[in-house]
Amino acid sequence: MAKITKMPGRTCRFYQNGKCFYEEELNPGYNINWRCNVLKGLEDEYDKLLHQAENFKLDEHAFSVLWEQRMEELLKSEVLCRKIVLDNEAEFPFCSAVYNEVCLYEIPECEGVCSRFKP
């Protein structure tokens, strides 16, 4: 007997890079486990640096120089995300696996044409 497979969901509006964004479309940002770890880490570092800058009463220029240096160091480090993929054409300059601040590795795979299919 032949094995029946679902048609690919490539033309579905919830399909992005082989993943199903239905849940994310319903409640954007609701599932924090899907957020990009690199972005979360950068946000935490920015908040920490901002707090330090306030304590040391740094001006805006000094803060921006420090932030650029720290961001450069962080992005060179692969400690933030083991799934990092360098791609200059990506939406975010450090990772091609990020789509709308969501890590594509965390989103469920598209099952193909399903009951939620919307062209």
PDB file of N, CA and C in Angstrom:
ATOM      1  N   MET A   1       0.839  -1.181   0.000  1.00  0.00           N
ATOM      2  CA  MET A   1       0.000   0.000   0.000  1.00  0.00           C
ATOM      3  C   MET A   1       0.884   1.244   0.000  1.00  0.00           C
ATOM      4  N   ALA A   2       0.488   2.246  -0.741  1.00  0.00           N
ATOM      5  CA  ALA A   2       1.267   3.481  -0.854  1.00  0.00           C
ATOM      6  C   ALA A   2       1.131   4.313   0.412  1.00  0.00           C
ATOM      7  N   LYS A   3       2.208   4.984   0.742  1.00  0.00           N
ATOM      8  CA  LYS A   3       2.199   5.879   1.903  1.00  0.00           C
ATOM      9  C   LYS A   3       1.679   7.243   1.454  1.00  0.00           C
ATOM     10  N   ILE A   4       0.657   7.743   2.140  1.00  0.00           N
ATOM     11  CA  ILE A   4       0.082   9.044   1.796  1.00  0.00           C
ATOM     12  C   ILE A   4       0.740  10.113   2.657  1.00  0.00           C
ATOM     13  N   THR A   5       1.240  11.136   2.009  1.00  0.00           N
ATOM     14  CA  THR A   5       1.869  12.244   2.740  1.00  0.00           C
ATOM     15  C   THR A   5       1.103  13.530   2.472  1.00  0.00           C
ATOM     16  N   LYS A   6       1.177  14.425   3.422  1.00  0.00           N
ATOM     17  CA  LYS A   6       0.503  15.720   3.268  1.00  0.00           C
ATOM     18  C   LYS A   6       1.236  16.560   2.232  1.00  0.00           C
ATOM     19  N   MET A   7       0.489  17.420   1.584  1.00  0.00           N
ATOM     20  CA  MET A   7       1.108  18.359   0.652  1.00  0.00           C
ATOM     21  C   MET A   7       1.917  19.370   1.464  1.00  0.00           C
ATOM     22  N   PRO A   8       2.995  19.904   0.899  1.00  0.00           N
ATOM     23  CA  PRO A   8       3.784  20.896   1.648  1.00  0.00           C
ATOM     24  C   PRO A   8       2.984  22.175   1.868  1.00  0.00           C
ATOM     25  N   GLY A   9       3.211  22.801   2.993  1.00  0.00           N
ATOM     26  CA  GLY A   9       2.473  24.011   3.341  1.00  0.00           C
ATOM     27  C   GLY A   9       3.155  25.289   2.911  1.00  0.00           C
ATOM     28  N   ARG A  10       4.008  25.235   1.913  1.00  0.00           N
ATOM     29  CA  ARG A  10       4.792  26.411   1.504  1.00  0.00           C
ATOM     30  C   ARG A  10       3.944  27.624   1.146  1.00  0.00           C
ATOM     31  N   THR A  11       2.724  27.430   0.682  1.00  0.00           N
ATOM     32  CA  THR A  11       1.903  28.575   0.289  1.00  0.00           C
ATOM     33  C   THR A  11       0.990  29.058   1.415  1.00  0.00           C
ATOM     34  N   CYS A  12       1.155  28.494   2.594  1.00  0.00           N
ATOM     35  CA  CYS A  12       0.354  28.905   3.750  1.00  0.00           C
ATOM     36  C   CYS A  12       0.926  30.193   4.337  1.00  0.00           C
ATOM     37  N   ARG A  13       0.058  31.078   4.797  1.00  0.00           N
ATOM     38  CA  ARG A  13       0.541  32.351   5.341  1.00  0.00           C
ATOM     39  C   ARG A  13       1.277  32.181   6.663  1.00  0.00           C
ATOM     40  N   PHE A  14       1.118  31.040   7.325  1.00  0.00           N
ATOM     41  CA  PHE A  14       1.814  30.776   8.590  1.00  0.00           C
ATOM     42  C   PHE A  14       3.163  30.084   8.375  1.00  0.00           C
ATOM     43  N   TYR A  15       3.494  29.762   7.136  1.00  0.00           N
ATOM     44  CA  TYR A  15       4.735  29.039   6.804  1.00  0.00           C
ATOM     45  C   TYR A  15       5.897  30.019   6.673  1.00  0.00           C
ATOM     46  N   GLN A  16       6.967  29.775   7.384  1.00  0.00           N
ATOM     47  CA  GLN A  16       8.203  30.559   7.261  1.00  0.00           C
ATOM     48  C   GLN A  16       9.389  29.622   7.397  1.00  0.00           C
ATOM     49  N   ASN A  17      10.179  29.483   6.354  1.00  0.00           N
ATOM     50  CA  ASN A  17      11.406  28.682   6.388  1.00  0.00           C
ATOM     51  C   ASN A  17      11.188  27.275   6.943  1.00  0.00           C
ATOM     52  N   GLY A  18      10.109  26.637   6.545  1.00  0.00           N
ATOM     53  CA  GLY A  18       9.844  25.266   6.976  1.00  0.00           C
ATOM     54  C   GLY A  18       9.194  25.145   8.344  1.00  0.00           C
ATOM     55  N   LYS A  19       8.866  26.257   8.949  1.00  0.00           N
ATOM     56  CA  LYS A  19       8.280  26.260  10.289  1.00  0.00           C
ATOM     57  C   LYS A  19       6.859  26.794  10.261  1.00  0.00           C
ATOM     58  N   CYS A  20       6.057  26.384  11.241  1.00  0.00           N
ATOM     59  CA  CYS A  20       4.674  26.833  11.343  1.00  0.00           C
ATOM     60  C   CYS A  20       4.582  27.962  12.366  1.00  0.00           C
ATOM     61  N   PHE A  21       4.220  29.140  11.909  1.00  0.00           N
ATOM     62  CA  PHE A  21       4.132  30.323  12.764  1.00  0.00           C
ATOM     63  C   PHE A  21       2.703  30.605  13.233  1.00  0.00           C
ATOM     64  N   TYR A  22       1.825  29.604  13.174  1.00  0.00           N
ATOM     65  CA  TYR A  22       0.430  29.805  13.559  1.00  0.00           C
ATOM     66  C   TYR A  22       0.326  30.297  15.008  1.00  0.00           C
ATOM     67  N   GLU A  23       0.962  29.590  15.925  1.00  0.00           N
ATOM     68  CA  GLU A  23       0.898  29.957  17.350  1.00  0.00           C
ATOM     69  C   GLU A  23       1.498  31.347  17.585  1.00  0.00           C
ATOM     70  N   GLU A  24       2.575  31.655  16.909  1.00  0.00           N
ATOM     71  CA  GLU A  24       3.226  32.959  17.069  1.00  0.00           C
ATOM     72  C   GLU A  24       2.343  34.072  16.516  1.00  0.00           C
ATOM     73  N   GLU A  25       1.621  33.797  15.426  1.00  0.00           N
ATOM     74  CA  GLU A  25       0.708  34.786  14.857  1.00  0.00           C
ATOM     75  C   GLU A  25      -0.455  35.070  15.810  1.00  0.00           C
ATOM     76  N   LEU A  26      -0.932  34.027  16.494  1.00  0.00           N
ATOM     77  CA  LEU A  26      -2.046  34.204  17.443  1.00  0.00           C
ATOM     78  C   LEU A  26      -1.643  35.093  18.615  1.00  0.00           C
ATOM     79  N   ASN A  27      -0.496  34.794  19.199  1.00  0.00           N
ATOM     80  CA  ASN A  27      -0.007  35.515  20.383  1.00  0.00           C
ATOM     81  C   ASN A  27       1.473  35.837  20.210  1.00  0.00           C
ATOM     82  N   PRO A  28       1.801  36.893  19.483  1.00  0.00           N
ATOM     83  CA  PRO A  28       3.217  37.218  19.253  1.00  0.00           C
ATOM     84  C   PRO A  28       3.969  37.429  20.569  1.00  0.00           C
ATOM     85  N   GLY A  29       5.086  36.721  20.685  1.00  0.00           N
ATOM     86  CA  GLY A  29       5.939  36.865  21.859  1.00  0.00           C
ATOM     87  C   GLY A  29       5.452  36.131  23.096  1.00  0.00           C
ATOM     88  N   TYR A  30       4.308  35.437  23.017  1.00  0.00           N
ATOM     89  CA  TYR A  30       3.747  34.760  24.188  1.00  0.00           C
ATOM     90  C   TYR A  30       4.657  33.635  24.671  1.00  0.00           C
ATOM     91  N   ASN A  31       5.136  32.814  23.754  1.00  0.00           N
ATOM     92  CA  ASN A  31       6.008  31.707  24.130  1.00  0.00           C
ATOM     93  C   ASN A  31       7.441  32.217  24.215  1.00  0.00           C
ATOM     94  N   ILE A  32       7.887  32.521  25.426  1.00  0.00           N
ATOM     95  CA  ILE A  32       9.222  33.104  25.606  1.00  0.00           C
ATOM     96  C   ILE A  32      10.331  32.114  25.277  1.00  0.00           C
ATOM     97  N   ASN A  33      10.017  30.816  25.260  1.00  0.00           N
ATOM     98  CA  ASN A  33      11.025  29.812  24.912  1.00  0.00           C
ATOM     99  C   ASN A  33      11.424  29.889  23.448  1.00  0.00           C
ATOM    100  N   TRP A  34      10.580  30.509  22.623  1.00  0.00           N
ATOM    101  CA  TRP A  34      10.889  30.638  21.202  1.00  0.00           C
ATOM    102  C   TRP A  34      11.729  31.864  20.899  1.00  0.00           C
ATOM    103  N   ARG A  35      11.843  32.793  21.852  1.00  0.00           N
ATOM    104  CA  ARG A  35      12.621  34.013  21.617  1.00  0.00           C
ATOM    105  C   ARG A  35      14.084  33.662  21.393  1.00  0.00           C
ATOM    106  N   CYS A  36      14.733  34.449  20.598  1.00  0.00           N
ATOM    107  CA  CYS A  36      16.153  34.250  20.289  1.00  0.00           C
ATOM    108  C   CYS A  36      16.996  34.473  21.543  1.00  0.00           C
ATOM    109  N   ASN A  37      17.788  33.487  21.906  1.00  0.00           N
ATOM    110  CA  ASN A  37      18.648  33.591  23.091  1.00  0.00           C
ATOM    111  C   ASN A  37      19.685  34.693  22.949  1.00  0.00           C
ATOM    112  N   VAL A  38      20.154  34.906  21.735  1.00  0.00           N
ATOM    113  CA  VAL A  38      21.150  35.950  21.503  1.00  0.00           C
ATOM    114  C   VAL A  38      20.540  37.314  21.796  1.00  0.00           C
ATOM    115  N   LEU A  39      19.317  37.536  21.300  1.00  0.00           N
ATOM    116  CA  LEU A  39      18.650  38.818  21.562  1.00  0.00           C
ATOM    117  C   LEU A  39      18.379  39.008  23.044  1.00  0.00           C
ATOM    118  N   LYS A  40      17.926  37.929  23.725  1.00  0.00           N
ATOM    119  CA  LYS A  40      17.686  38.025  25.166  1.00  0.00           C
ATOM    120  C   LYS A  40      18.979  38.388  25.890  1.00  0.00           C
ATOM    121  N   GLY A  41      20.073  37.751  25.492  1.00  0.00           N
ATOM    122  CA  GLY A  41      21.368  38.042  26.110  1.00  0.00           C
ATOM    123  C   GLY A  41      21.810  39.474  25.861  1.00  0.00           C
ATOM    124  N   LEU A  42      21.609  39.958  24.621  1.00  0.00           N
ATOM    125  CA  LEU A  42      21.977  41.338  24.305  1.00  0.00           C
ATOM    126  C   LEU A  42      21.126  42.335  25.085  1.00  0.00           C
ATOM    127  N   GLU A  43      19.844  42.048  25.248  1.00  0.00           N
ATOM    128  CA  GLU A  43      18.974  42.929  26.022  1.00  0.00           C
ATOM    129  C   GLU A  43      19.428  42.994  27.478  1.00  0.00           C
ATOM    130  N   ASP A  44      19.784  41.834  28.038  1.00  0.00           N
ATOM    131  CA  ASP A  44      20.267  41.792  29.423  1.00  0.00           C
ATOM    132  C   ASP A  44      21.564  42.578  29.573  1.00  0.00           C
ATOM    133  N   GLU A  45      22.471  42.401  28.615  1.00  0.00           N
ATOM    134  CA  GLU A  45      23.742  43.131  28.658  1.00  0.00           C
ATOM    135  C   GLU A  45      23.526  44.640  28.524  1.00  0.00           C
ATOM    136  N   TYR A  46      22.608  45.028  27.668  1.00  0.00           N
ATOM    137  CA  TYR A  46      22.309  46.453  27.472  1.00  0.00           C
ATOM    138  C   TYR A  46      21.762  47.054  28.770  1.00  0.00           C
ATOM    139  N   ASP A  47      20.836  46.351  29.406  1.00  0.00           N
ATOM    140  CA  ASP A  47      20.270  46.834  30.671  1.00  0.00           C
ATOM    141  C   ASP A  47      21.353  46.952  31.741  1.00  0.00           C
ATOM    142  N   LYS A  48      22.243  45.966  31.781  1.00  0.00           N
ATOM    143  CA  LYS A  48      23.327  45.990  32.764  1.00  0.00           C
ATOM    144  C   LYS A  48      24.255  47.183  32.507  1.00  0.00           C
ATOM    145  N   LEU A  49      24.609  47.402  31.249  1.00  0.00           N
ATOM    146  CA  LEU A  49      25.484  48.521  30.906  1.00  0.00           C
ATOM    147  C   LEU A  49      24.794  49.857  31.172  1.00  0.00           C
ATOM    148  N   LEU A  50      23.512  49.937  30.895  1.00  0.00           N
ATOM    149  CA  LEU A  50      22.758  51.159  31.163  1.00  0.00           C
ATOM    150  C   LEU A  50      22.763  51.489  32.659  1.00  0.00           C
ATOM    151  N   HIS A  51      22.581  50.469  33.468  1.00  0.00           N
ATOM    152  CA  HIS A  51      22.622  50.653  34.929  1.00  0.00           C
ATOM    153  C   HIS A  51      24.011  51.139  35.377  1.00  0.00           C
ATOM    154  N   GLN A  52      25.054  50.533  34.809  1.00  0.00           N
ATOM    155  CA  GLN A  52      26.419  50.956  35.144  1.00  0.00           C
ATOM    156  C   GLN A  52      26.673  52.386  34.696  1.00  0.00           C
ATOM    157  N   ALA A  53      26.194  52.745  33.507  1.00  0.00           N
ATOM    158  CA  ALA A  53      26.400  54.098  32.981  1.00  0.00           C
ATOM    159  C   ALA A  53      25.713  55.132  33.862  1.00  0.00           C
ATOM    160  N   GLU A  54      24.531  54.790  34.363  1.00  0.00           N
ATOM    161  CA  GLU A  54      23.839  55.707  35.278  1.00  0.00           C
ATOM    162  C   GLU A  54      24.616  55.870  36.573  1.00  0.00           C
ATOM    163  N   ASN A  55      25.146  54.769  37.087  1.00  0.00           N
ATOM    164  CA  ASN A  55      25.926  54.836  38.336  1.00  0.00           C
ATOM    165  C   ASN A  55      27.196  55.663  38.178  1.00  0.00           C
ATOM    166  N   PHE A  56      27.846  55.549  37.023  1.00  0.00           N
ATOM    167  CA  PHE A  56      29.087  56.290  36.782  1.00  0.00           C
ATOM    168  C   PHE A  56      28.846  57.629  36.093  1.00  0.00           C
ATOM    169  N   LYS A  57      27.569  57.966  35.869  1.00  0.00           N
ATOM    170  CA  LYS A  57      27.172  59.240  35.258  1.00  0.00           C
ATOM    171  C   LYS A  57      27.875  59.492  33.918  1.00  0.00           C
ATOM    172  N   LEU A  58      27.850  58.459  33.059  1.00  0.00           N
ATOM    173  CA  LEU A  58      28.458  58.585  31.732  1.00  0.00           C
ATOM    174  C   LEU A  58      27.524  59.345  30.808  1.00  0.00           C
ATOM    175  N   ASP A  59      28.116  60.108  29.891  1.00  0.00           N
ATOM    176  CA  ASP A  59      27.285  60.820  28.915  1.00  0.00           C
ATOM    177  C   ASP A  59      26.878  59.856  27.791  1.00  0.00           C
ATOM    178  N   GLU A  60      26.025  60.337  26.923  1.00  0.00           N
ATOM    179  CA  GLU A  60      25.456  59.505  25.861  1.00  0.00           C
ATOM    180  C   GLU A  60      26.517  58.972  24.904  1.00  0.00           C
ATOM    181  N   HIS A  61      27.481  59.814  24.563  1.00  0.00           N
ATOM    182  CA  HIS A  61      28.536  59.401  23.632  1.00  0.00           C
ATOM    183  C   HIS A  61      29.391  58.283  24.238  1.00  0.00           C
ATOM    184  N   ALA A  62      29.800  58.460  25.477  1.00  0.00           N
ATOM    185  CA  ALA A  62      30.624  57.440  26.141  1.00  0.00           C
ATOM    186  C   ALA A  62      29.865  56.118  26.244  1.00  0.00           C
ATOM    187  N   PHE A  63      28.568  56.216  26.540  1.00  0.00           N
ATOM    188  CA  PHE A  63      27.745  55.016  26.634  1.00  0.00           C
ATOM    189  C   PHE A  63      27.681  54.290  25.296  1.00  0.00           C
ATOM    190  N   SER A  64      27.458  55.031  24.216  1.00  0.00           N
ATOM    191  CA  SER A  64      27.330  54.393  22.900  1.00  0.00           C
ATOM    192  C   SER A  64      28.642  53.741  22.465  1.00  0.00           C
ATOM    193  N   VAL A  65      29.763  54.361  22.794  1.00  0.00           N
ATOM    194  CA  VAL A  65      31.065  53.769  22.465  1.00  0.00           C
ATOM    195  C   VAL A  65      31.256  52.465  23.237  1.00  0.00           C
ATOM    196  N   LEU A  66      30.943  52.494  24.524  1.00  0.00           N
ATOM    197  CA  LEU A  66      31.049  51.276  25.346  1.00  0.00           C
ATOM    198  C   LEU A  66      30.127  50.177  24.833  1.00  0.00           C
ATOM    199  N   TRP A  67      28.903  50.547  24.465  1.00  0.00           N
ATOM    200  CA  TRP A  67      27.949  49.553  23.982  1.00  0.00           C
ATOM    201  C   TRP A  67      28.431  48.911  22.692  1.00  0.00           C
ATOM    202  N   GLU A  68      28.955  49.711  21.771  1.00  0.00           N
ATOM    203  CA  GLU A  68      29.465  49.162  20.515  1.00  0.00           C
ATOM    204  C   GLU A  68      30.610  48.183  20.770  1.00  0.00           C
ATOM    205  N   GLN A  69      31.509  48.544  21.694  1.00  0.00           N
ATOM    206  CA  GLN A  69      32.615  47.649  22.020  1.00  0.00           C
ATOM    207  C   GLN A  69      32.107  46.345  22.635  1.00  0.00           C
ATOM    208  N   ARG A  70      31.180  46.475  23.570  1.00  0.00           N
ATOM    209  CA  ARG A  70      30.666  45.288  24.245  1.00  0.00           C
ATOM    210  C   ARG A  70      29.883  44.399  23.285  1.00  0.00           C
ATOM    211  N   MET A  71      29.114  45.013  22.395  1.00  0.00           N
ATOM    212  CA  MET A  71      28.338  44.226  21.430  1.00  0.00           C
ATOM    213  C   MET A  71      29.259  43.479  20.476  1.00  0.00           C
ATOM    214  N   GLU A  72      30.324  44.138  20.055  1.00  0.00           N
ATOM    215  CA  GLU A  72      31.296  43.494  19.174  1.00  0.00           C
ATOM    216  C   GLU A  72      31.903  42.264  19.853  1.00  0.00           C
ATOM    217  N   GLU A  73      32.253  42.413  21.129  1.00  0.00           N
ATOM    218  CA  GLU A  73      32.817  41.291  21.887  1.00  0.00           C
ATOM    219  C   GLU A  73      31.801  40.162  22.037  1.00  0.00           C
ATOM    220  N   LEU A  74      30.562  40.523  22.349  1.00  0.00           N
ATOM    221  CA  LEU A  74      29.523  39.518  22.542  1.00  0.00           C
ATOM    222  C   LEU A  74      29.238  38.740  21.266  1.00  0.00           C
ATOM    223  N   LEU A  75      29.206  39.431  20.140  1.00  0.00           N
ATOM    224  CA  LEU A  75      28.890  38.763  18.883  1.00  0.00           C
ATOM    225  C   LEU A  75      30.046  37.906  18.372  1.00  0.00           C
ATOM    226  N   LYS A  76      31.275  38.207  18.793  1.00  0.00           N
ATOM    227  CA  LYS A  76      32.411  37.359  18.440  1.00  0.00           C
ATOM    228  C   LYS A  76      32.359  36.059  19.231  1.00  0.00           C
ATOM    229  N   SER A  77      31.794  36.128  20.423  1.00  0.00           N
ATOM    230  CA  SER A  77      31.713  34.975  21.300  1.00  0.00           C
ATOM    231  C   SER A  77      30.594  34.052  20.832  1.00  0.00           C
ATOM    232  N   GLU A  78      30.874  32.763  20.776  1.00  0.00           N
ATOM    233  CA  GLU A  78      29.840  31.801  20.406  1.00  0.00           C
ATOM    234  C   GLU A  78      29.171  31.227  21.642  1.00  0.00           C
ATOM    235  N   VAL A  79      29.476  31.785  22.798  1.00  0.00           N
ATOM    236  CA  VAL A  79      28.895  31.316  24.047  1.00  0.00           C
ATOM    237  C   VAL A  79      27.405  31.636  24.103  1.00  0.00           C
ATOM    238  N   LEU A  80      26.997  32.773  23.510  1.00  0.00           N
ATOM    239  CA  LEU A  80      25.604  33.200  23.580  1.00  0.00           C
ATOM    240  C   LEU A  80      24.649  32.210  22.929  1.00  0.00           C
ATOM    241  N   CYS A  81      25.047  31.623  21.823  1.00  0.00           N
ATOM    242  CA  CYS A  81      24.138  30.714  21.107  1.00  0.00           C
ATOM    243  C   CYS A  81      24.943  29.728  20.292  1.00  0.00           C
ATOM    244  N   ARG A  82      24.769  28.470  20.578  1.00  0.00           N
ATOM    245  CA  ARG A  82      25.530  27.463  19.830  1.00  0.00           C
ATOM    246  C   ARG A  82      24.974  27.256  18.430  1.00  0.00           C
ATOM    247  N   LYS A  83      23.774  27.805  18.160  1.00  0.00           N
ATOM    248  CA  LYS A  83      23.142  27.640  16.852  1.00  0.00           C
ATOM    249  C   LYS A  83      23.376  28.837  15.951  1.00  0.00           C
ATOM    250  N   ILE A  84      24.278  29.717  16.327  1.00  0.00           N
ATOM    251  CA  ILE A  84      24.474  30.952  15.568  1.00  0.00           C
ATOM    252  C   ILE A  84      24.954  30.646  14.146  1.00  0.00           C
ATOM    253  N   VAL A  85      24.408  31.332  13.195  1.00  0.00           N
ATOM    254  CA  VAL A  85      24.787  31.176  11.799  1.00  0.00           C
ATOM    255  C   VAL A  85      25.078  32.563  11.262  1.00  0.00           C
ATOM    256  N   LEU A  86      26.295  32.808  10.880  1.00  0.00           N
ATOM    257  CA  LEU A  86      26.640  34.124  10.363  1.00  0.00           C
ATOM    258  C   LEU A  86      26.132  34.266   8.932  1.00  0.00           C
ATOM    259  N   ASP A  87      25.428  35.350   8.693  1.00  0.00           N
ATOM    260  CA  ASP A  87      24.856  35.601   7.370  1.00  0.00           C
ATOM    261  C   ASP A  87      24.592  37.095   7.252  1.00  0.00           C
ATOM    262  N   ASN A  88      25.296  37.766   6.368  1.00  0.00           N
ATOM    263  CA  ASN A  88      25.144  39.213   6.222  1.00  0.00           C
ATOM    264  C   ASN A  88      23.801  39.608   5.622  1.00  0.00           C
ATOM    265  N   GLU A  89      23.093  38.689   5.010  1.00  0.00           N
ATOM    266  CA  GLU A  89      21.806  38.984   4.389  1.00  0.00           C
ATOM    267  C   GLU A  89      20.640  38.778   5.353  1.00  0.00           C
ATOM    268  N   ALA A  90      20.915  38.342   6.581  1.00  0.00           N
ATOM    269  CA  ALA A  90      19.849  38.034   7.535  1.00  0.00           C
ATOM    270  C   ALA A  90      19.172  39.302   8.043  1.00  0.00           C
ATOM    271  N   GLU A  91      17.981  39.112   8.602  1.00  0.00           N
ATOM    272  CA  GLU A  91      17.229  40.224   9.181  1.00  0.00           C
ATOM    273  C   GLU A  91      18.015  40.847  10.331  1.00  0.00           C
ATOM    274  N   PHE A  92      18.671  40.010  11.113  1.00  0.00           N
ATOM    275  CA  PHE A  92      19.544  40.466  12.183  1.00  0.00           C
ATOM    276  C   PHE A  92      20.969  40.182  11.735  1.00  0.00           C
ATOM    277  N   PRO A  93      21.885  41.081  11.993  1.00  0.00           N
ATOM    278  CA  PRO A  93      23.224  40.939  11.417  1.00  0.00           C
ATOM    279  C   PRO A  93      24.024  39.759  11.936  1.00  0.00           C
ATOM    280  N   PHE A  94      23.589  39.121  13.010  1.00  0.00           N
ATOM    281  CA  PHE A  94      24.393  38.064  13.602  1.00  0.00           C
ATOM    282  C   PHE A  94      23.846  36.663  13.376  1.00  0.00           C
ATOM    283  N   CYS A  95      22.641  36.538  12.882  1.00  0.00           N
ATOM    284  CA  CYS A  95      22.067  35.201  12.816  1.00  0.00           C
ATOM    285  C   CYS A  95      21.000  35.112  11.734  1.00  0.00           C
ATOM    286  N   SER A  96      21.098  34.097  10.900  1.00  0.00           N
ATOM    287  CA  SER A  96      20.095  33.912   9.855  1.00  0.00           C
ATOM    288  C   SER A  96      18.938  33.042  10.343  1.00  0.00           C
ATOM    289  N   ALA A  97      19.009  32.565  11.581  1.00  0.00           N
ATOM    290  CA  ALA A  97      17.951  31.721  12.135  1.00  0.00           C
ATOM    291  C   ALA A  97      16.962  32.528  12.968  1.00  0.00           C
ATOM    292  N   VAL A  98      16.978  33.858  12.837  1.00  0.00           N
ATOM    293  CA  VAL A  98      16.055  34.710  13.584  1.00  0.00           C
ATOM    294  C   VAL A  98      15.038  35.294  12.620  1.00  0.00           C
ATOM    295  N   TYR A  99      13.767  35.205  13.008  1.00  0.00           N
ATOM    296  CA  TYR A  99      12.698  35.790  12.225  1.00  0.00           C
ATOM    297  C   TYR A  99      11.752  36.476  13.209  1.00  0.00           C
ATOM    298  N   ASN A 100      11.600  37.800  13.100  1.00  0.00           N
ATOM    299  CA  ASN A 100      10.758  38.567  14.025  1.00  0.00           C
ATOM    300  C   ASN A 100      11.099  38.283  15.487  1.00  0.00           C
ATOM    301  N   GLU A 101      12.369  38.266  15.806  1.00  0.00           N
ATOM    302  CA  GLU A 101      12.893  38.041  17.158  1.00  0.00           C
ATOM    303  C   GLU A 101      12.638  36.636  17.690  1.00  0.00           C
ATOM    304  N   VAL A 102      12.207  35.735  16.829  1.00  0.00           N
ATOM    305  CA  VAL A 102      11.954  34.349  17.217  1.00  0.00           C
ATOM    306  C   VAL A 102      13.033  33.472  16.587  1.00  0.00           C
ATOM    307  N   CYS A 103      13.516  32.502  17.351  1.00  0.00           N
ATOM    308  CA  CYS A 103      14.526  31.568  16.843  1.00  0.00           C
ATOM    309  C   CYS A 103      13.832  30.477  16.029  1.00  0.00           C
ATOM    310  N   LEU A 104      14.203  30.359  14.762  1.00  0.00           N
ATOM    311  CA  LEU A 104      13.567  29.370  13.892  1.00  0.00           C
ATOM    312  C   LEU A 104      13.800  27.934  14.365  1.00  0.00           C
ATOM    313  N   TYR A 105      14.860  27.700  15.126  1.00  0.00           N
ATOM    314  CA  TYR A 105      15.130  26.361  15.628  1.00  0.00           C
ATOM    315  C   TYR A 105      14.113  25.939  16.690  1.00  0.00           C
ATOM    316  N   GLU A 106      13.461  26.898  17.317  1.00  0.00           N
ATOM    317  CA  GLU A 106      12.522  26.598  18.405  1.00  0.00           C
ATOM    318  C   GLU A 106      11.076  26.446  17.937  1.00  0.00           C
ATOM    319  N   ILE A 107      10.725  27.015  16.786  1.00  0.00           N
ATOM    320  CA  ILE A 107       9.359  26.967  16.261  1.00  0.00           C
ATOM    321  C   ILE A 107       9.074  25.557  15.733  1.00  0.00           C
ATOM    322  N   PRO A 108       7.837  25.049  15.926  1.00  0.00           N
ATOM    323  CA  PRO A 108       7.519  23.708  15.414  1.00  0.00           C
ATOM    324  C   PRO A 108       7.574  23.647  13.885  1.00  0.00           C
ATOM    325  N   GLU A 109       7.948  22.479  13.386  1.00  0.00           N
ATOM    326  CA  GLU A 109       8.020  22.268  11.938  1.00  0.00           C
ATOM    327  C   GLU A 109       6.619  22.347  11.324  1.00  0.00           C
ATOM    328  N   CYS A 110       6.572  22.789  10.083  1.00  0.00           N
ATOM    329  CA  CYS A 110       5.305  22.826   9.349  1.00  0.00           C
ATOM    330  C   CYS A 110       4.930  21.390   8.989  1.00  0.00           C
ATOM    331  N   GLU A 111       3.690  21.003   9.309  1.00  0.00           N
ATOM    332  CA  GLU A 111       3.228  19.638   9.031  1.00  0.00           C
ATOM    333  C   GLU A 111       2.741  19.472   7.601  1.00  0.00           C
ATOM    334  N   GLY A 112       2.651  20.557   6.879  1.00  0.00           N
ATOM    335  CA  GLY A 112       2.116  20.516   5.533  1.00  0.00           C
ATOM    336  C   GLY A 112       0.747  21.172   5.527  1.00  0.00           C
ATOM    337  N   VAL A 113      -0.056  20.865   4.528  1.00  0.00           N
ATOM    338  CA  VAL A 113      -1.395  21.442   4.455  1.00  0.00           C
ATOM    339  C   VAL A 113      -2.223  20.825   5.586  1.00  0.00           C
ATOM    340  N   CYS A 114      -2.717  21.690   6.477  1.00  0.00           N
ATOM    341  CA  CYS A 114      -3.467  21.222   7.645  1.00  0.00           C
ATOM    342  C   CYS A 114      -4.750  22.022   7.777  1.00  0.00           C
ATOM    343  N   SER A 115      -5.488  21.816   8.860  1.00  0.00           N
ATOM    344  CA  SER A 115      -6.767  22.512   9.055  1.00  0.00           C
ATOM    345  C   SER A 115      -6.584  24.007   9.238  1.00  0.00           C
ATOM    346  N   ARG A 116      -5.370  24.453   9.603  1.00  0.00           N
ATOM    347  CA  ARG A 116      -5.114  25.885   9.799  1.00  0.00           C
ATOM    348  C   ARG A 116      -4.559  26.558   8.535  1.00  0.00           C
ATOM    349  N   PHE A 117      -4.472  25.803   7.455  1.00  0.00           N
ATOM    350  CA  PHE A 117      -3.880  26.305   6.208  1.00  0.00           C
ATOM    351  C   PHE A 117      -4.639  27.534   5.706  1.00  0.00           C
ATOM    352  N   LYS A 118      -3.890  28.616   5.457  1.00  0.00           N
ATOM    353  CA  LYS A 118      -4.482  29.832   4.872  1.00  0.00           C
ATOM    354  C   LYS A 118      -3.527  30.318   3.781  1.00  0.00           C
ATOM    355  N   PRO A 119      -4.029  30.355   2.541  1.00  0.00           N
ATOM    356  CA  PRO A 119      -3.149  30.814   1.447  1.00  0.00           C
ATOM    357  C   PRO A 119      -2.862  32.300   1.533  1.00  0.00           C
TER     358      PRO A 119
END
